[in-house]
């Protein structure tokens, strides 16, 4: 089971990635949501606040239009960290942090994430559980946000170990807090333990944090297949 500090470290490391996906023109393979009345109202409100506060989320000086789903995640993450840091500082009587949280401009939560991580073990159980639940919620939301393909979708490539077109994205875990995995569903895939440490329903699987590594293995396998195909063509031609 993950600890709250592990979740905070994960969120901290991905803040810059979230910021990078806020503007159109950056890679964004997920589907753009329909603009709701609530979102339109929020954009209008942000525009009105622009002259009062120049944070990273104000829209008037943005170099490109904003991805609303990334904006939602960024605002929720920062506002949640402000709220948690303020509650912790009040319980621990860290008056300087209370003042900083009260003045926070909602443009960079990294200092607050570091504060929460450094002091979470000092909390009484009730607030400690609240912090743990909220941080887990933030991480689950970001994991879903960064998923490059939809749940249930098959990857347009073969598995590097069984050479079958059987890699699917699945969501496992409790509803509302599920974690995305890529799972080989060929029924014959048996990768070695050093390349697959997760099995789900007797099928090899790779959790989100291993997807970059998995992508490299897939690319290497594709190159090898192409190389073998070229060799076969040359042999047939000779």
C-alpha atoms as a PDB file:
ATOM      1  CA  UNK A   1       0.000   0.000   0.000  1.00  0.00           C
ATOM      2  CA  UNK A   2       1.334   3.447  -0.917  1.00  0.00           C
ATOM      3  CA  UNK A   3       2.130   5.999   1.776  1.00  0.00           C
ATOM      4  CA  UNK A   4       1.000   9.615   1.751  1.00  0.00           C
ATOM      5  CA  UNK A   5       4.617  10.759   1.324  1.00  0.00           C
ATOM      6  CA  UNK A   6       4.979   8.564  -1.764  1.00  0.00           C
ATOM      7  CA  UNK A   7       1.832  10.115  -3.222  1.00  0.00           C
ATOM      8  CA  UNK A   8       3.090  13.619  -2.437  1.00  0.00           C
ATOM      9  CA  UNK A   9       6.440  12.898  -4.096  1.00  0.00           C
ATOM     10  CA  UNK A  10       4.628  11.595  -7.180  1.00  0.00           C
ATOM     11  CA  UNK A  11       2.410  14.686  -7.366  1.00  0.00           C
ATOM     12  CA  UNK A  12       5.394  16.996  -6.830  1.00  0.00           C
ATOM     13  CA  UNK A  13       7.324  15.382  -9.695  1.00  0.00           C
ATOM     14  CA  UNK A  14       4.397  15.751 -12.109  1.00  0.00           C
ATOM     15  CA  UNK A  15       3.404  19.343 -11.428  1.00  0.00           C
ATOM     16  CA  UNK A  16       5.605  20.635 -14.245  1.00  0.00           C
ATOM     17  CA  UNK A  17       4.049  18.072 -16.614  1.00  0.00           C
ATOM     18  CA  UNK A  18       0.578  19.277 -15.666  1.00  0.00           C
ATOM     19  CA  UNK A  19       1.572  22.895 -16.260  1.00  0.00           C
ATOM     20  CA  UNK A  20       2.991  21.940 -19.654  1.00  0.00           C
ATOM     21  CA  UNK A  21      -0.298  20.387 -20.789  1.00  0.00           C
ATOM     22  CA  UNK A  22      -2.405  23.434 -19.943  1.00  0.00           C
ATOM     23  CA  UNK A  23      -1.883  25.250 -23.262  1.00  0.00           C
ATOM     24  CA  UNK A  24      -3.083  24.124 -26.657  1.00  0.00           C
ATOM     25  CA  UNK A  25      -0.255  23.121 -28.907  1.00  0.00           C
ATOM     26  CA  UNK A  26       1.263  20.854 -26.284  1.00  0.00           C
ATOM     27  CA  UNK A  27       0.761  17.089 -26.630  1.00  0.00           C
ATOM     28  CA  UNK A  28      -2.697  16.202 -25.383  1.00  0.00           C
ATOM     29  CA  UNK A  29      -4.053  12.875 -26.603  1.00  0.00           C
ATOM     30  CA  UNK A  30      -7.127  12.789 -24.395  1.00  0.00           C
ATOM     31  CA  UNK A  31     -10.480  14.076 -25.702  1.00  0.00           C
ATOM     32  CA  UNK A  32     -11.354  17.716 -25.080  1.00  0.00           C
ATOM     33  CA  UNK A  33     -14.451  17.935 -22.869  1.00  0.00           C
ATOM     34  CA  UNK A  34     -17.517  19.897 -23.932  1.00  0.00           C
ATOM     35  CA  UNK A  35     -17.533  23.395 -22.486  1.00  0.00           C
ATOM     36  CA  UNK A  36     -20.247  23.436 -19.832  1.00  0.00           C
ATOM     37  CA  UNK A  37     -22.084  26.462 -18.469  1.00  0.00           C
ATOM     38  CA  UNK A  38     -20.167  26.043 -15.227  1.00  0.00           C
ATOM     39  CA  UNK A  39     -16.834  26.079 -17.058  1.00  0.00           C
ATOM     40  CA  UNK A  40     -17.873  29.135 -19.066  1.00  0.00           C
ATOM     41  CA  UNK A  41     -18.749  30.865 -15.822  1.00  0.00           C
ATOM     42  CA  UNK A  42     -15.405  29.942 -14.338  1.00  0.00           C
ATOM     43  CA  UNK A  43     -13.554  31.355 -17.342  1.00  0.00           C
ATOM     44  CA  UNK A  44     -15.528  34.577 -17.040  1.00  0.00           C
ATOM     45  CA  UNK A  45     -14.709  34.785 -13.353  1.00  0.00           C
ATOM     46  CA  UNK A  46     -11.015  34.204 -14.009  1.00  0.00           C
ATOM     47  CA  UNK A  47     -11.039  36.941 -16.606  1.00  0.00           C
ATOM     48  CA  UNK A  48     -12.536  39.349 -14.072  1.00  0.00           C
ATOM     49  CA  UNK A  49      -9.878  38.436 -11.524  1.00  0.00           C
ATOM     50  CA  UNK A  50      -7.046  38.903 -13.988  1.00  0.00           C
ATOM     51  CA  UNK A  51      -6.462  42.554 -13.174  1.00  0.00           C
ATOM     52  CA  UNK A  52      -6.333  41.765  -9.457  1.00  0.00           C
ATOM     53  CA  UNK A  53      -4.018  38.807  -9.519  1.00  0.00           C
ATOM     54  CA  UNK A  54      -1.354  37.716 -12.003  1.00  0.00           C
ATOM     55  CA  UNK A  55      -0.998  33.997 -11.318  1.00  0.00           C
ATOM     56  CA  UNK A  56      -0.118  31.190 -13.692  1.00  0.00           C
ATOM     57  CA  UNK A  57      -3.788  30.429 -14.276  1.00  0.00           C
ATOM     58  CA  UNK A  58      -5.021  33.864 -15.395  1.00  0.00           C
ATOM     59  CA  UNK A  59      -6.061  33.809 -19.012  1.00  0.00           C
ATOM     60  CA  UNK A  60      -5.480  37.259 -20.467  1.00  0.00           C
ATOM     61  CA  UNK A  61      -1.745  36.938 -20.980  1.00  0.00           C
ATOM     62  CA  UNK A  62      -1.671  33.242 -21.887  1.00  0.00           C
ATOM     63  CA  UNK A  63       0.394  32.550 -25.030  1.00  0.00           C
ATOM     64  CA  UNK A  64      -2.217  30.007 -26.191  1.00  0.00           C
ATOM     65  CA  UNK A  65      -5.780  28.959 -25.369  1.00  0.00           C
ATOM     66  CA  UNK A  66      -6.183  26.883 -22.223  1.00  0.00           C
ATOM     67  CA  UNK A  67      -7.060  23.189 -21.952  1.00  0.00           C
ATOM     68  CA  UNK A  68      -9.923  23.363 -19.459  1.00  0.00           C
ATOM     69  CA  UNK A  69      -9.402  19.888 -18.043  1.00  0.00           C
ATOM     70  CA  UNK A  70      -5.749  20.638 -17.259  1.00  0.00           C
ATOM     71  CA  UNK A  71      -6.781  23.992 -15.783  1.00  0.00           C
ATOM     72  CA  UNK A  72      -9.330  22.230 -13.574  1.00  0.00           C
ATOM     73  CA  UNK A  73      -6.702  19.794 -12.311  1.00  0.00           C
ATOM     74  CA  UNK A  74      -4.173  22.537 -11.617  1.00  0.00           C
ATOM     75  CA  UNK A  75      -6.639  24.721  -9.723  1.00  0.00           C
ATOM     76  CA  UNK A  76      -7.970  21.769  -7.728  1.00  0.00           C
ATOM     77  CA  UNK A  77      -4.470  20.579  -6.846  1.00  0.00           C
ATOM     78  CA  UNK A  78      -3.272  23.988  -5.728  1.00  0.00           C
ATOM     79  CA  UNK A  79      -6.438  24.887  -3.824  1.00  0.00           C
ATOM     80  CA  UNK A  80      -6.379  21.518  -2.060  1.00  0.00           C
ATOM     81  CA  UNK A  81      -2.748  21.943  -1.012  1.00  0.00           C
ATOM     82  CA  UNK A  82      -3.501  25.458   0.287  1.00  0.00           C
ATOM     83  CA  UNK A  83      -6.400  24.095   2.314  1.00  0.00           C
ATOM     84  CA  UNK A  84      -4.409  21.155   3.711  1.00  0.00           C
ATOM     85  CA  UNK A  85      -1.362  23.265   4.538  1.00  0.00           C
ATOM     86  CA  UNK A  86      -3.516  25.838   6.325  1.00  0.00           C
ATOM     87  CA  UNK A  87      -5.274  23.144   8.392  1.00  0.00           C
ATOM     88  CA  UNK A  88      -1.963  21.514   9.277  1.00  0.00           C
ATOM     89  CA  UNK A  89      -0.340  24.813  10.199  1.00  0.00           C
ATOM     90  CA  UNK A  90      -3.238  25.684  12.493  1.00  0.00           C
ATOM     91  CA  UNK A  91      -3.000  22.326  14.267  1.00  0.00           C
ATOM     92  CA  UNK A  92       0.802  22.489  14.545  1.00  0.00           C
ATOM     93  CA  UNK A  93       0.814  26.241  15.319  1.00  0.00           C
ATOM     94  CA  UNK A  94       3.102  27.110  12.431  1.00  0.00           C
ATOM     95  CA  UNK A  95       1.989  30.727  12.193  1.00  0.00           C
ATOM     96  CA  UNK A  96       4.278  31.717   9.322  1.00  0.00           C
ATOM     97  CA  UNK A  97       2.795  28.986   7.148  1.00  0.00           C
ATOM     98  CA  UNK A  98      -0.738  30.127   7.974  1.00  0.00           C
ATOM     99  CA  UNK A  99       0.122  33.601   6.701  1.00  0.00           C
ATOM    100  CA  UNK A 100       1.782  32.198   3.568  1.00  0.00           C
ATOM    101  CA  UNK A 101      -1.193  29.954   2.805  1.00  0.00           C
ATOM    102  CA  UNK A 102      -3.609  32.836   3.312  1.00  0.00           C
ATOM    103  CA  UNK A 103      -1.675  34.962   0.809  1.00  0.00           C
ATOM    104  CA  UNK A 104      -1.063  32.166  -1.681  1.00  0.00           C
ATOM    105  CA  UNK A 105      -1.738  33.195  -5.278  1.00  0.00           C
ATOM    106  CA  UNK A 106      -2.781  29.773  -6.533  1.00  0.00           C
ATOM    107  CA  UNK A 107       0.072  29.669  -9.018  1.00  0.00           C
ATOM    108  CA  UNK A 108       2.569  27.174  -7.570  1.00  0.00           C
ATOM    109  CA  UNK A 109       1.810  24.503  -4.954  1.00  0.00           C
ATOM    110  CA  UNK A 110       5.328  23.068  -4.703  1.00  0.00           C
ATOM    111  CA  UNK A 111       6.296  24.866  -1.474  1.00  0.00           C
ATOM    112  CA  UNK A 112       3.065  23.739   0.140  1.00  0.00           C
ATOM    113  CA  UNK A 113       3.561  20.153  -1.033  1.00  0.00           C
ATOM    114  CA  UNK A 114       6.994  20.159   0.588  1.00  0.00           C
ATOM    115  CA  UNK A 115       5.533  21.567   3.801  1.00  0.00           C
ATOM    116  CA  UNK A 116       2.783  18.943   3.946  1.00  0.00           C
ATOM    117  CA  UNK A 117       5.273  16.158   3.259  1.00  0.00           C
ATOM    118  CA  UNK A 118       7.678  17.337   5.949  1.00  0.00           C
ATOM    119  CA  UNK A 119       5.018  17.609   8.654  1.00  0.00           C
ATOM    120  CA  UNK A 120       2.329  15.043   7.888  1.00  0.00           C
ATOM    121  CA  UNK A 121       3.734  12.555  10.422  1.00  0.00           C
ATOM    122  CA  UNK A 122       3.232  15.098  13.231  1.00  0.00           C
ATOM    123  CA  UNK A 123      -0.532  15.329  12.769  1.00  0.00           C
ATOM    124  CA  UNK A 124      -3.219  13.918  14.997  1.00  0.00           C
ATOM    125  CA  UNK A 125      -4.990  10.883  13.458  1.00  0.00           C
ATOM    126  CA  UNK A 126      -8.137  12.692  12.300  1.00  0.00           C
ATOM    127  CA  UNK A 127      -6.388  15.357  10.236  1.00  0.00           C
ATOM    128  CA  UNK A 128      -3.734  12.865   9.157  1.00  0.00           C
ATOM    129  CA  UNK A 129      -6.407  10.640   7.606  1.00  0.00           C
ATOM    130  CA  UNK A 130      -7.982  13.630   5.874  1.00  0.00           C
ATOM    131  CA  UNK A 131      -4.638  14.598   4.350  1.00  0.00           C
ATOM    132  CA  UNK A 132      -4.007  11.028   3.222  1.00  0.00           C
ATOM    133  CA  UNK A 133      -7.427  10.747   1.574  1.00  0.00           C
ATOM    134  CA  UNK A 134      -7.162  14.107  -0.190  1.00  0.00           C
ATOM    135  CA  UNK A 135      -3.641  13.424  -1.467  1.00  0.00           C
ATOM    136  CA  UNK A 136      -4.710   9.988  -2.741  1.00  0.00           C
ATOM    137  CA  UNK A 137      -7.626  11.658  -4.544  1.00  0.00           C
ATOM    138  CA  UNK A 138      -5.304  14.167  -6.188  1.00  0.00           C
ATOM    139  CA  UNK A 139      -2.949  11.451  -7.348  1.00  0.00           C
ATOM    140  CA  UNK A 140      -5.774   9.330  -8.757  1.00  0.00           C
ATOM    141  CA  UNK A 141      -7.070  12.340 -10.673  1.00  0.00           C
ATOM    142  CA  UNK A 142      -3.664  13.084 -12.151  1.00  0.00           C
ATOM    143  CA  UNK A 143      -3.103   9.454 -13.091  1.00  0.00           C
ATOM    144  CA  UNK A 144      -6.382   9.519 -15.010  1.00  0.00           C
ATOM    145  CA  UNK A 145      -5.502  12.887 -16.558  1.00  0.00           C
ATOM    146  CA  UNK A 146      -2.134  11.682 -17.844  1.00  0.00           C
ATOM    147  CA  UNK A 147      -3.487   8.424 -19.288  1.00  0.00           C
ATOM    148  CA  UNK A 148      -2.563   8.691 -22.959  1.00  0.00           C
ATOM    149  CA  UNK A 149      -5.317   6.399 -24.237  1.00  0.00           C
ATOM    150  CA  UNK A 150      -8.794   5.535 -23.086  1.00  0.00           C
ATOM    151  CA  UNK A 151      -9.646   2.743 -20.693  1.00  0.00           C
ATOM    152  CA  UNK A 152     -10.551  -0.411 -22.629  1.00  0.00           C
ATOM    153  CA  UNK A 153      -8.646   0.654 -25.730  1.00  0.00           C
ATOM    154  CA  UNK A 154      -6.229  -1.744 -27.413  1.00  0.00           C
ATOM    155  CA  UNK A 155      -2.759  -0.459 -28.206  1.00  0.00           C
ATOM    156  CA  UNK A 156      -1.969  -0.434 -31.920  1.00  0.00           C
ATOM    157  CA  UNK A 157       1.110  -2.569 -31.450  1.00  0.00           C
ATOM    158  CA  UNK A 158       2.045  -6.116 -30.513  1.00  0.00           C
ATOM    159  CA  UNK A 159       3.164  -7.237 -27.086  1.00  0.00           C
ATOM    160  CA  UNK A 160       7.000  -7.313 -26.947  1.00  0.00           C
ATOM    161  CA  UNK A 161       6.991 -10.738 -25.284  1.00  0.00           C
ATOM    162  CA  UNK A 162       4.261 -12.789 -26.980  1.00  0.00           C
ATOM    163  CA  UNK A 163       4.063 -10.860 -30.291  1.00  0.00           C
ATOM    164  CA  UNK A 164       0.273 -10.715 -30.097  1.00  0.00           C
ATOM    165  CA  UNK A 165      -1.967  -7.627 -30.635  1.00  0.00           C
ATOM    166  CA  UNK A 166      -3.265  -8.001 -27.103  1.00  0.00           C
ATOM    167  CA  UNK A 167      -2.187  -4.973 -25.040  1.00  0.00           C
ATOM    168  CA  UNK A 168      -5.186  -3.232 -23.456  1.00  0.00           C
ATOM    169  CA  UNK A 169      -5.597  -0.318 -21.067  1.00  0.00           C
ATOM    170  CA  UNK A 170      -7.634  -1.307 -18.014  1.00  0.00           C
ATOM    171  CA  UNK A 171      -8.652   0.448 -14.814  1.00  0.00           C
ATOM    172  CA  UNK A 172      -8.279  -1.599 -11.628  1.00  0.00           C
ATOM    173  CA  UNK A 173      -9.062  -0.820  -8.025  1.00  0.00           C
ATOM    174  CA  UNK A 174     -12.037   0.717  -6.226  1.00  0.00           C
ATOM    175  CA  UNK A 175     -14.481   2.840  -8.195  1.00  0.00           C
ATOM    176  CA  UNK A 176     -13.458   6.486  -8.159  1.00  0.00           C
ATOM    177  CA  UNK A 177      -9.870   5.642  -7.214  1.00  0.00           C
ATOM    178  CA  UNK A 178      -8.902   3.128  -9.892  1.00  0.00           C
ATOM    179  CA  UNK A 179      -5.395   2.928 -11.310  1.00  0.00           C
ATOM    180  CA  UNK A 180      -4.721   2.508 -15.051  1.00  0.00           C
ATOM    181  CA  UNK A 181      -2.642  -0.435 -16.210  1.00  0.00           C
ATOM    182  CA  UNK A 182      -1.620  -1.883 -19.547  1.00  0.00           C
ATOM    183  CA  UNK A 183      -2.402  -5.599 -19.574  1.00  0.00           C
ATOM    184  CA  UNK A 184      -1.526  -8.293 -22.093  1.00  0.00           C
ATOM    185  CA  UNK A 185      -4.629 -10.406 -22.681  1.00  0.00           C
ATOM    186  CA  UNK A 186      -3.318 -12.935 -25.199  1.00  0.00           C
ATOM    187  CA  UNK A 187      -3.595 -15.768 -22.694  1.00  0.00           C
ATOM    188  CA  UNK A 188      -0.172 -17.098 -23.668  1.00  0.00           C
ATOM    189  CA  UNK A 189       2.079 -14.262 -22.500  1.00  0.00           C
ATOM    190  CA  UNK A 190       4.594 -15.208 -19.802  1.00  0.00           C
ATOM    191  CA  UNK A 191       7.246 -12.473 -19.480  1.00  0.00           C
ATOM    192  CA  UNK A 192      10.083 -13.024 -17.040  1.00  0.00           C
ATOM    193  CA  UNK A 193       9.798 -11.613 -13.534  1.00  0.00           C
ATOM    194  CA  UNK A 194      12.488  -8.996 -14.154  1.00  0.00           C
ATOM    195  CA  UNK A 195      10.366  -7.360 -16.873  1.00  0.00           C
ATOM    196  CA  UNK A 196       6.939  -7.786 -15.270  1.00  0.00           C
ATOM    197  CA  UNK A 197       6.350  -7.526 -11.548  1.00  0.00           C
ATOM    198  CA  UNK A 198       2.568  -7.101 -11.714  1.00  0.00           C
ATOM    199  CA  UNK A 199      -0.045  -9.697 -12.631  1.00  0.00           C
ATOM    200  CA  UNK A 200      -3.782  -9.042 -12.731  1.00  0.00           C
ATOM    201  CA  UNK A 201      -6.241 -11.920 -13.125  1.00  0.00           C
ATOM    202  CA  UNK A 202      -3.347 -14.171 -14.173  1.00  0.00           C
ATOM    203  CA  UNK A 203      -2.326 -11.769 -16.933  1.00  0.00           C
ATOM    204  CA  UNK A 204       0.884  -9.694 -17.049  1.00  0.00           C
ATOM    205  CA  UNK A 205       0.302  -5.991 -16.423  1.00  0.00           C
ATOM    206  CA  UNK A 206       2.293  -2.780 -16.180  1.00  0.00           C
ATOM    207  CA  UNK A 207       1.088   0.090 -13.943  1.00  0.00           C
ATOM    208  CA  UNK A 208       1.185   3.726 -14.994  1.00  0.00           C
ATOM    209  CA  UNK A 209       4.633   4.505 -13.573  1.00  0.00           C
ATOM    210  CA  UNK A 210       6.136   1.788 -15.827  1.00  0.00           C
ATOM    211  CA  UNK A 211       4.550   2.994 -19.064  1.00  0.00           C
ATOM    212  CA  UNK A 212       7.552   5.019 -20.209  1.00  0.00           C
ATOM    213  CA  UNK A 213       9.783   1.984 -19.726  1.00  0.00           C
ATOM    214  CA  UNK A 214       7.216  -0.233 -21.472  1.00  0.00           C
ATOM    215  CA  UNK A 215       7.052   2.159 -24.420  1.00  0.00           C
ATOM    216  CA  UNK A 216      10.810   1.781 -24.904  1.00  0.00           C
ATOM    217  CA  UNK A 217      10.509  -2.020 -24.857  1.00  0.00           C
ATOM    218  CA  UNK A 218       7.683  -1.859 -27.390  1.00  0.00           C
ATOM    219  CA  UNK A 219       9.716   0.446 -29.645  1.00  0.00           C
ATOM    220  CA  UNK A 220      12.729  -1.871 -29.406  1.00  0.00           C
ATOM    221  CA  UNK A 221      10.570  -4.886 -30.297  1.00  0.00           C
ATOM    222  CA  UNK A 222       9.089  -3.013 -33.270  1.00  0.00           C
ATOM    223  CA  UNK A 223      12.571  -2.180 -34.552  1.00  0.00           C
ATOM    224  CA  UNK A 224      13.587  -5.820 -34.191  1.00  0.00           C
ATOM    225  CA  UNK A 225      10.509  -7.004 -36.115  1.00  0.00           C
ATOM    226  CA  UNK A 226      11.224  -4.521 -38.906  1.00  0.00           C
ATOM    227  CA  UNK A 227      14.857  -5.647 -39.043  1.00  0.00           C
ATOM    228  CA  UNK A 228      13.844  -9.309 -39.284  1.00  0.00           C
ATOM    229  CA  UNK A 229      11.299  -8.479 -41.989  1.00  0.00           C
ATOM    230  CA  UNK A 230      13.977  -6.742 -44.068  1.00  0.00           C
ATOM    231  CA  UNK A 231      16.337  -9.701 -43.641  1.00  0.00           C
ATOM    232  CA  UNK A 232      13.588 -12.070 -44.772  1.00  0.00           C
ATOM    233  CA  UNK A 233      12.947  -9.966 -47.878  1.00  0.00           C
ATOM    234  CA  UNK A 234      16.650  -9.955 -48.733  1.00  0.00           C
ATOM    235  CA  UNK A 235      16.881 -13.712 -48.295  1.00  0.00           C
ATOM    236  CA  UNK A 236      13.862 -14.269 -50.513  1.00  0.00           C
ATOM    237  CA  UNK A 237      15.336 -12.003 -53.173  1.00  0.00           C
ATOM    238  CA  UNK A 238      18.677 -13.802 -53.235  1.00  0.00           C
END
